[in-house]
Amino acid sequence: MKSFLVGLGIGIGLGVLFAPVSGEQTRGNIRDRANDLADSARETIEQGRERVRRGISAIRAPEQAATGTETGRSGSGYTL
């Protein structure tokens, strides 16, 4: 996924640089595409966080069921 995003960024950059449009339009295009890339990165990070949360919940569930506690024996209660 990371190499795909790098290739996408390079392709977009080269496409914008060689496109026959004015400087103002080019800057606007770069800004828009950078915002799109930032949004995509935020979504990817949030998906990763959610996967970690689900993994932690899956690990804690048996312990919570066995002990009848919400945070388990450690009582750490970590939150992401």
Protein backbone atom coordinates (compact mmCIF):
# COMPACT_ATOMS: atom_id res chain seq x y z
CA MET A 1 0.00 0.00 0.00
CA LYS A 2 2.81 2.38 0.89
CA SER A 3 4.63 1.89 -2.43
CA PHE A 4 1.33 2.40 -4.26
CA LEU A 5 0.80 5.75 -2.52
CA VAL A 6 4.39 6.82 -3.28
CA GLY A 7 3.94 5.90 -6.95
CA LEU A 8 0.61 7.70 -7.03
CA GLY A 9 2.20 10.82 -5.57
CA ILE A 10 5.07 10.75 -8.06
CA GLY A 11 2.68 10.19 -10.96
CA ILE A 12 0.45 13.04 -9.86
CA GLY A 13 3.43 15.32 -9.41
CA LEU A 14 4.83 14.59 -12.85
CA GLY A 15 1.41 14.89 -14.45
CA VAL A 16 0.83 18.26 -12.88
CA LEU A 17 4.30 19.54 -13.81
CA PHE A 18 3.92 18.60 -17.47
CA ALA A 19 0.28 19.61 -17.88
CA PRO A 20 -0.27 22.67 -20.10
CA VAL A 21 -2.05 24.90 -17.54
CA SER A 22 -1.28 28.21 -15.85
CA GLY A 23 0.74 28.44 -12.66
CA GLU A 24 -2.31 29.40 -10.63
CA GLN A 25 -4.23 26.37 -11.88
CA THR A 26 -1.22 24.14 -11.26
CA ARG A 27 -0.91 25.35 -7.67
CA GLY A 28 -4.63 24.78 -7.18
CA ASN A 29 -4.33 21.27 -8.57
CA ILE A 30 -1.36 20.51 -6.33
CA ARG A 31 -3.23 21.86 -3.29
CA ASP A 32 -6.34 19.81 -4.09
CA ARG A 33 -4.39 16.63 -4.69
CA ALA A 34 -2.29 17.14 -1.56
CA ASN A 35 -5.50 17.53 0.44
CA ASP A 36 -6.88 14.35 -1.13
CA LEU A 37 -3.69 12.49 -0.26
CA ALA A 38 -3.79 13.82 3.32
CA ASP A 39 -7.42 12.69 3.67
CA SER A 40 -6.48 9.26 2.36
CA ALA A 41 -3.60 9.05 4.84
CA ARG A 42 -5.92 10.03 7.71
CA GLU A 43 -8.40 7.34 6.70
CA THR A 44 -5.62 4.74 6.50
CA ILE A 45 -4.34 5.71 9.95
CA GLU A 46 -7.84 5.57 11.42
CA GLN A 47 -8.38 2.12 9.87
CA GLY A 48 -5.10 0.98 11.43
CA ARG A 49 -6.14 2.30 14.84
CA GLU A 50 -9.46 0.52 14.58
CA ARG A 51 -7.72 -2.76 13.68
CA VAL A 52 -5.47 -2.38 16.74
CA ARG A 53 -8.50 -1.66 18.96
CA ARG A 54 -10.29 -4.75 17.64
CA GLY A 55 -7.16 -6.84 18.21
CA ILE A 56 -6.82 -5.61 21.78
CA SER A 57 -10.52 -6.30 22.41
CA ALA A 58 -10.15 -9.81 21.00
CA ILE A 59 -7.21 -10.46 23.30
CA ARG A 60 -8.95 -9.02 26.37
CA ALA A 61 -12.36 -10.63 25.81
CA PRO A 62 -11.47 -14.10 27.16
CA GLU A 63 -9.74 -12.60 30.19
CA GLN A 64 -12.66 -10.30 30.89
CA ALA A 65 -15.10 -13.18 30.62
CA ALA A 66 -13.02 -15.32 32.99
CA THR A 67 -12.44 -12.64 35.61
CA GLY A 68 -15.70 -10.73 35.24
CA THR A 69 -13.81 -7.45 35.02
CA GLU A 70 -13.75 -4.75 32.42
CA THR A 71 -10.01 -4.10 32.33
CA GLY A 72 -8.73 -7.54 33.25
CA ARG A 73 -6.28 -8.46 36.00
CA SER A 74 -3.74 -5.81 35.14
CA GLY A 75 -6.21 -2.95 35.61
CA SER A 76 -4.20 -0.91 33.13
CA GLY A 77 -7.17 0.25 31.05
CA TYR A 78 -5.06 1.46 28.13
CA THR A 79 -6.90 3.47 25.50
CA LEU A 80 -5.85 4.24 21.96
